[in-house]
Protein backbone atom coordinates (compact mmCIF):
# COMPACT_ATOMS: atom_id res chain seq x y z
CA MET A 1 28.96 164.03 97.42
CA SER A 2 27.29 164.51 94.06
CA PHE A 3 25.19 162.12 91.98
CA ALA A 4 23.13 162.20 88.79
CA SER A 5 19.37 162.49 89.31
CA THR A 6 18.08 159.02 90.02
CA LEU A 7 15.68 157.26 92.34
CA TYR A 8 18.19 154.47 92.96
CA LEU A 9 19.30 155.87 96.30
CA CYS A 10 20.30 152.85 98.40
CA PRO A 11 24.08 153.25 98.02
CA ILE A 12 23.83 157.01 98.61
CA LEU A 13 21.69 156.53 101.73
CA ASP A 14 24.12 153.87 102.98
CA LEU A 15 26.97 156.40 102.76
CA LEU A 16 24.97 159.24 104.32
CA THR A 17 23.86 157.16 107.30
CA ALA A 18 27.07 155.20 107.89
CA ASN A 19 28.01 157.23 110.99
CA ILE A 20 24.52 157.62 112.43
CA PRO A 21 23.79 155.75 115.69
CA ASP A 22 21.57 152.69 115.30
CA ASP A 23 18.72 154.21 117.29
CA LEU A 24 18.44 157.15 114.84
CA GLU A 25 19.50 155.49 111.59
CA ALA A 26 16.11 154.24 110.28
CA GLU A 27 14.31 157.51 110.95
CA ILE A 28 17.04 159.67 109.46
CA ARG A 29 17.38 157.36 106.46
CA LEU A 30 13.64 157.72 105.78
CA GLY A 31 13.86 161.52 105.99
CA LEU A 32 16.94 161.71 103.78
CA GLN A 33 15.29 159.42 101.24
CA GLU A 34 12.29 161.76 101.07
CA ALA A 35 14.52 164.81 100.64
CA LEU A 36 16.70 163.16 97.96
CA VAL A 37 13.67 161.90 96.02
CA ASN A 38 12.24 165.42 96.10
CA ALA A 39 15.52 166.89 94.79
CA ALA A 40 15.93 164.33 91.98
CA LYS A 41 12.27 163.95 90.99
CA HIS A 42 10.68 167.34 91.62
CA GLY A 43 13.76 169.56 91.44
CA ASN A 44 15.76 167.99 88.62
CA LYS A 45 12.80 166.23 86.93
CA LEU A 46 14.90 163.03 86.90
CA ASP A 47 17.13 164.59 84.23
CA PRO A 48 20.32 162.46 84.39
CA SER A 49 22.39 165.42 83.15
CA LYS A 50 21.49 167.31 86.36
CA SER A 51 23.08 166.52 89.70
CA VAL A 52 22.02 166.44 93.31
CA VAL A 53 24.75 167.58 95.70
CA VAL A 54 24.75 166.56 99.36
CA GLN A 55 27.05 167.98 102.02
CA PHE A 56 27.09 166.19 105.37
CA SER A 57 28.67 167.46 108.55
CA ILE A 58 28.83 166.51 112.20
CA SER A 59 29.48 169.02 114.94
CA LYS A 60 29.63 168.33 118.64
CA ASP A 61 25.87 168.74 119.00
CA GLU A 62 24.26 168.14 115.59
CA TYR A 63 24.26 166.29 112.32
CA SER A 64 23.45 168.37 109.25
CA TRP A 65 22.87 167.80 105.57
CA VAL A 66 22.64 170.38 102.79
CA ILE A 67 20.90 169.03 99.68
CA THR A 68 21.07 171.09 96.48
CA ASP A 69 19.42 170.38 93.14
CA GLU A 70 19.74 172.08 89.74
CA GLY A 71 16.01 172.61 89.26
CA LYS A 72 14.09 175.84 88.84
CA GLY A 73 13.22 175.89 92.51
CA PHE A 74 9.82 176.11 94.09
CA ASP A 75 7.80 178.37 96.31
CA HIS A 76 8.70 176.53 99.49
CA PRO A 77 6.26 176.52 102.37
CA CYS A 78 6.76 178.38 105.55
CA GLU A 79 7.21 176.05 108.51
CA HIS A 80 3.57 176.24 109.54
CA ARG A 81 1.82 176.06 106.16
CA TYR A 82 1.65 172.28 106.27
CA PRO A 83 0.42 171.32 109.72
CA CYS A 84 1.44 167.78 110.52
CA CYS A 85 -1.90 166.11 110.19
CA PRO A 86 -3.13 163.30 107.93
CA ASP A 87 -6.07 165.26 106.48
CA LEU A 88 -4.41 167.41 103.84
CA PRO A 89 -6.43 168.38 100.75
CA PRO A 90 -5.77 166.03 97.79
CA GLU A 91 -3.89 168.72 95.82
CA GLU A 92 -1.42 169.15 98.71
CA ALA A 93 -1.35 165.56 99.97
CA GLU A 94 1.72 164.26 98.12
CA ASN A 95 4.04 167.18 98.80
CA GLY A 96 2.50 168.18 102.11
CA ARG A 97 2.95 164.79 103.75
CA GLY A 98 6.58 164.56 102.64
CA LEU A 99 7.33 168.05 103.93
CA CYS A 100 5.55 167.24 107.18
CA MET A 101 7.59 164.07 107.52
CA LEU A 102 10.81 166.08 107.19
CA GLN A 103 9.66 168.45 109.91
CA GLN A 104 8.83 165.57 112.23
CA ILE A 105 12.12 163.73 111.69
CA PHE A 106 14.58 166.63 111.68
CA ASP A 107 15.02 169.41 114.22
CA GLY A 108 15.78 171.94 111.50
CA VAL A 109 14.28 172.11 107.99
CA HIS A 110 15.24 175.23 106.02
CA TRP A 111 15.17 176.09 102.30
CA ASN A 112 17.12 178.80 100.54
CA ALA A 113 15.10 181.63 98.96
CA GLN A 114 15.04 179.94 95.54
CA GLY A 115 13.84 176.58 96.86
CA THR A 116 16.79 174.70 95.34
CA GLN A 117 18.69 173.99 98.54
CA LEU A 118 17.47 172.31 101.70
CA ARG A 119 19.32 172.23 105.03
CA LEU A 120 18.32 169.46 107.42
CA SER A 121 19.67 169.14 110.94
CA LYS A 122 19.27 166.69 113.80
CA GLN A 123 20.38 167.50 117.32
CA ILE A 124 22.71 165.01 118.98
CA LYS A 125 21.47 164.23 122.43
CA ARG A 126 24.45 163.11 124.44
CA THR A 127 24.16 161.75 127.93
CA ARG A 128 26.80 162.84 130.37
CA TRP A 129 29.10 160.04 131.33
CA GLN A 130 29.31 159.58 135.06
CA PHE A 131 31.70 157.66 137.26
CA PRO A 132 30.15 154.71 139.07
CA SER A 133 29.34 155.68 142.68
CA ASN A 134 32.10 153.45 144.11
CA HIS A 135 34.78 155.56 142.33
CA ILE A 136 33.89 158.90 143.87
């Protein structure tokens, strides 16, 4: 899916979370919203001539999203640069908290070398179905 840079994300988030189980939907929606806002606002500078592209896939054990913007990229943090704590310095607070949120919501958070593409993944925890004891 591709859309022009905008902060009006409700219909996009509705499509991206349509197949997510109810118990995960709100958390994943929040994380995707943060990632899409970052791509449109910080990556594409809300330039409506630039697009954000999202690829969504489901495998047997994970959901994954690849979000790509047309911005200049950024010097993305390593996974441990932004510890998940509320006391970030003011100059890092806005971006640091959002990046921390992504790391808390998703099992995988990886940027390409240019900082223009983000891959998010969430493990699917399936419970094994068992026969009731009277059928064994």
